[in-house]
Amino acid sequence: MIEPISNEKLVAFLQINLPSDIKRTIYEEHFKMSIIYNKKYDELMKQVNSEECKSLDRTKLVSMVETVIEKPNFCKFVCSKNELFARLYDDHYRKGKKNFVRMNDLNSLTMSWLMYLYH
């Protein structure tokens, strides 16, 4: 699983005196996806914290959550950073227990997340 990486670790890595091809390989294998995932996670949380979502409007959030769920490694990353999302994902997709029985799993998970945060 790709773990979240701190800026301090990245800066320390960049300061190591190694040949550029070795540095590039290390970056590609150990840092790149974490940086990309952190950026995508920040975008997701920006939407979660938007006024739309605070008003329980999940319209834009649903497609973002769908992207998370469709990408297993990114989903694990999000779960590692957000305990509430991890619990809701586990309930909806592993245990088959959704909170909104008239919605599909994706919509129920998304609405549950907003309800726990803002209701």
Protein backbone atom coordinates (compact mmCIF):
# COMPACT_ATOMS: atom_id res chain seq x y z
CA MET A 1 0.00 0.00 0.00
CA ILE A 2 1.16 3.52 -0.69
CA GLU A 3 1.66 5.41 2.55
CA PRO A 4 1.19 9.15 2.88
CA ILE A 5 4.55 10.91 2.68
CA SER A 6 5.55 14.09 4.41
CA ASN A 7 7.18 17.02 2.67
CA GLU A 8 10.12 16.67 5.07
CA LYS A 9 10.84 13.14 3.81
CA LEU A 10 10.69 14.28 0.21
CA VAL A 11 13.04 17.22 0.84
CA ALA A 12 15.47 14.94 2.69
CA PHE A 13 15.41 12.51 -0.23
CA LEU A 14 16.05 15.26 -2.77
CA GLN A 15 19.10 16.41 -0.80
CA ILE A 16 20.79 12.98 -0.97
CA ASN A 17 23.75 13.00 -3.34
CA LEU A 18 22.94 10.16 -5.75
CA PRO A 19 23.21 9.83 -9.53
CA SER A 20 20.14 11.25 -11.22
CA ASP A 21 19.04 7.91 -12.75
CA ILE A 22 19.01 6.26 -9.33
CA LYS A 23 17.21 9.24 -7.81
CA ARG A 24 14.60 9.10 -10.57
CA THR A 25 14.00 5.38 -10.04
CA ILE A 26 13.60 5.85 -6.29
CA TYR A 27 11.27 8.79 -6.85
CA GLU A 28 9.14 6.86 -9.37
CA GLU A 29 8.88 3.77 -7.17
CA HIS A 30 8.46 5.34 -3.74
CA PHE A 31 7.40 8.98 -3.89
CA LYS A 32 5.47 9.75 -7.06
CA MET A 33 2.22 7.93 -6.26
CA SER A 34 2.16 9.28 -2.72
CA ILE A 35 2.48 12.83 -4.05
CA ILE A 36 -0.28 12.22 -6.63
CA TYR A 37 -2.52 10.55 -4.04
CA ASN A 38 -1.98 13.39 -1.55
CA LYS A 39 -3.01 15.91 -4.20
CA LYS A 40 -6.12 13.92 -5.14
CA TYR A 41 -6.98 13.44 -1.47
CA ASP A 42 -6.69 17.19 -0.89
CA GLU A 43 -9.08 17.79 -3.81
CA LEU A 44 -11.52 15.25 -2.38
CA MET A 45 -11.43 16.86 1.05
CA LYS A 46 -11.83 20.33 -0.45
CA GLN A 47 -15.09 19.11 -1.99
CA VAL A 48 -16.17 17.41 1.24
CA ASN A 49 -15.60 20.70 3.07
CA SER A 50 -17.38 22.78 0.42
CA GLU A 51 -20.58 24.68 1.11
CA GLU A 52 -22.43 22.28 -1.22
CA CYS A 53 -21.49 19.31 0.89
CA LYS A 54 -22.15 21.16 4.12
CA SER A 55 -25.68 21.64 2.73
CA LEU A 56 -25.82 17.87 2.14
CA ASP A 57 -25.65 18.25 -1.65
CA ARG A 58 -23.64 15.25 -2.77
CA THR A 59 -23.92 15.93 -6.52
CA LYS A 60 -20.23 16.65 -7.21
CA LEU A 61 -18.90 14.44 -4.44
CA VAL A 62 -20.46 11.23 -5.77
CA SER A 63 -18.25 11.12 -8.86
CA MET A 64 -15.16 11.78 -6.75
CA VAL A 65 -16.04 8.99 -4.34
CA GLU A 66 -16.71 6.70 -7.31
CA THR A 67 -13.18 7.39 -8.55
CA VAL A 68 -11.80 6.52 -5.12
CA ILE A 69 -13.68 3.23 -5.03
CA GLU A 70 -12.69 2.27 -8.59
CA LYS A 71 -8.98 2.61 -7.76
CA PRO A 72 -8.14 0.07 -5.03
CA ASN A 73 -4.74 1.52 -4.11
CA PHE A 74 -6.13 5.04 -3.90
CA CYS A 75 -9.07 3.74 -1.88
CA LYS A 76 -6.65 2.16 0.63
CA PHE A 77 -4.76 5.46 0.75
CA VAL A 78 -7.95 7.45 1.47
CA CYS A 79 -8.97 4.91 4.11
CA SER A 80 -5.57 5.27 5.77
CA LYS A 81 -6.02 9.04 5.99
CA ASN A 82 -9.72 9.26 6.84
CA GLU A 83 -11.08 7.00 9.57
CA LEU A 84 -14.72 7.89 8.93
CA PHE A 85 -14.46 7.15 5.20
CA ALA A 86 -12.69 3.87 6.04
CA ARG A 87 -15.48 2.81 8.39
CA LEU A 88 -18.22 3.75 5.91
CA TYR A 89 -16.41 2.02 3.04
CA ASP A 90 -16.05 -1.12 5.14
CA ASP A 91 -19.75 -1.06 6.08
CA HIS A 92 -20.97 -0.46 2.53
CA TYR A 93 -18.57 -2.50 0.40
CA ARG A 94 -17.27 -5.26 2.66
CA LYS A 95 -20.12 -5.89 5.08
CA GLY A 96 -22.94 -4.96 2.69
CA LYS A 97 -24.59 -2.74 5.30
CA LYS A 98 -25.73 0.56 3.87
CA ASN A 99 -27.47 3.33 5.75
CA PHE A 100 -29.80 4.45 2.97
CA VAL A 101 -31.55 1.34 1.71
CA ARG A 102 -33.16 3.02 -1.31
CA MET A 103 -29.80 4.21 -2.65
CA ASN A 104 -27.08 2.20 -4.29
CA ASP A 105 -23.90 1.57 -2.28
CA LEU A 106 -22.05 4.55 -3.79
CA ASN A 107 -24.79 7.08 -3.07
CA SER A 108 -25.46 5.65 0.38
CA LEU A 109 -21.77 5.81 1.32
CA THR A 110 -21.47 9.38 0.02
CA MET A 111 -24.62 10.58 1.77
CA SER A 112 -23.65 8.77 4.98
CA TRP A 113 -20.30 10.55 4.97
CA LEU A 114 -21.99 13.92 4.66
CA MET A 115 -24.62 13.10 7.25
CA TYR A 116 -21.99 12.03 9.81
CA LEU A 117 -20.06 15.25 9.17
CA TYR A 118 -22.79 17.85 8.82
CA HIS A 119 -26.12 16.65 10.20
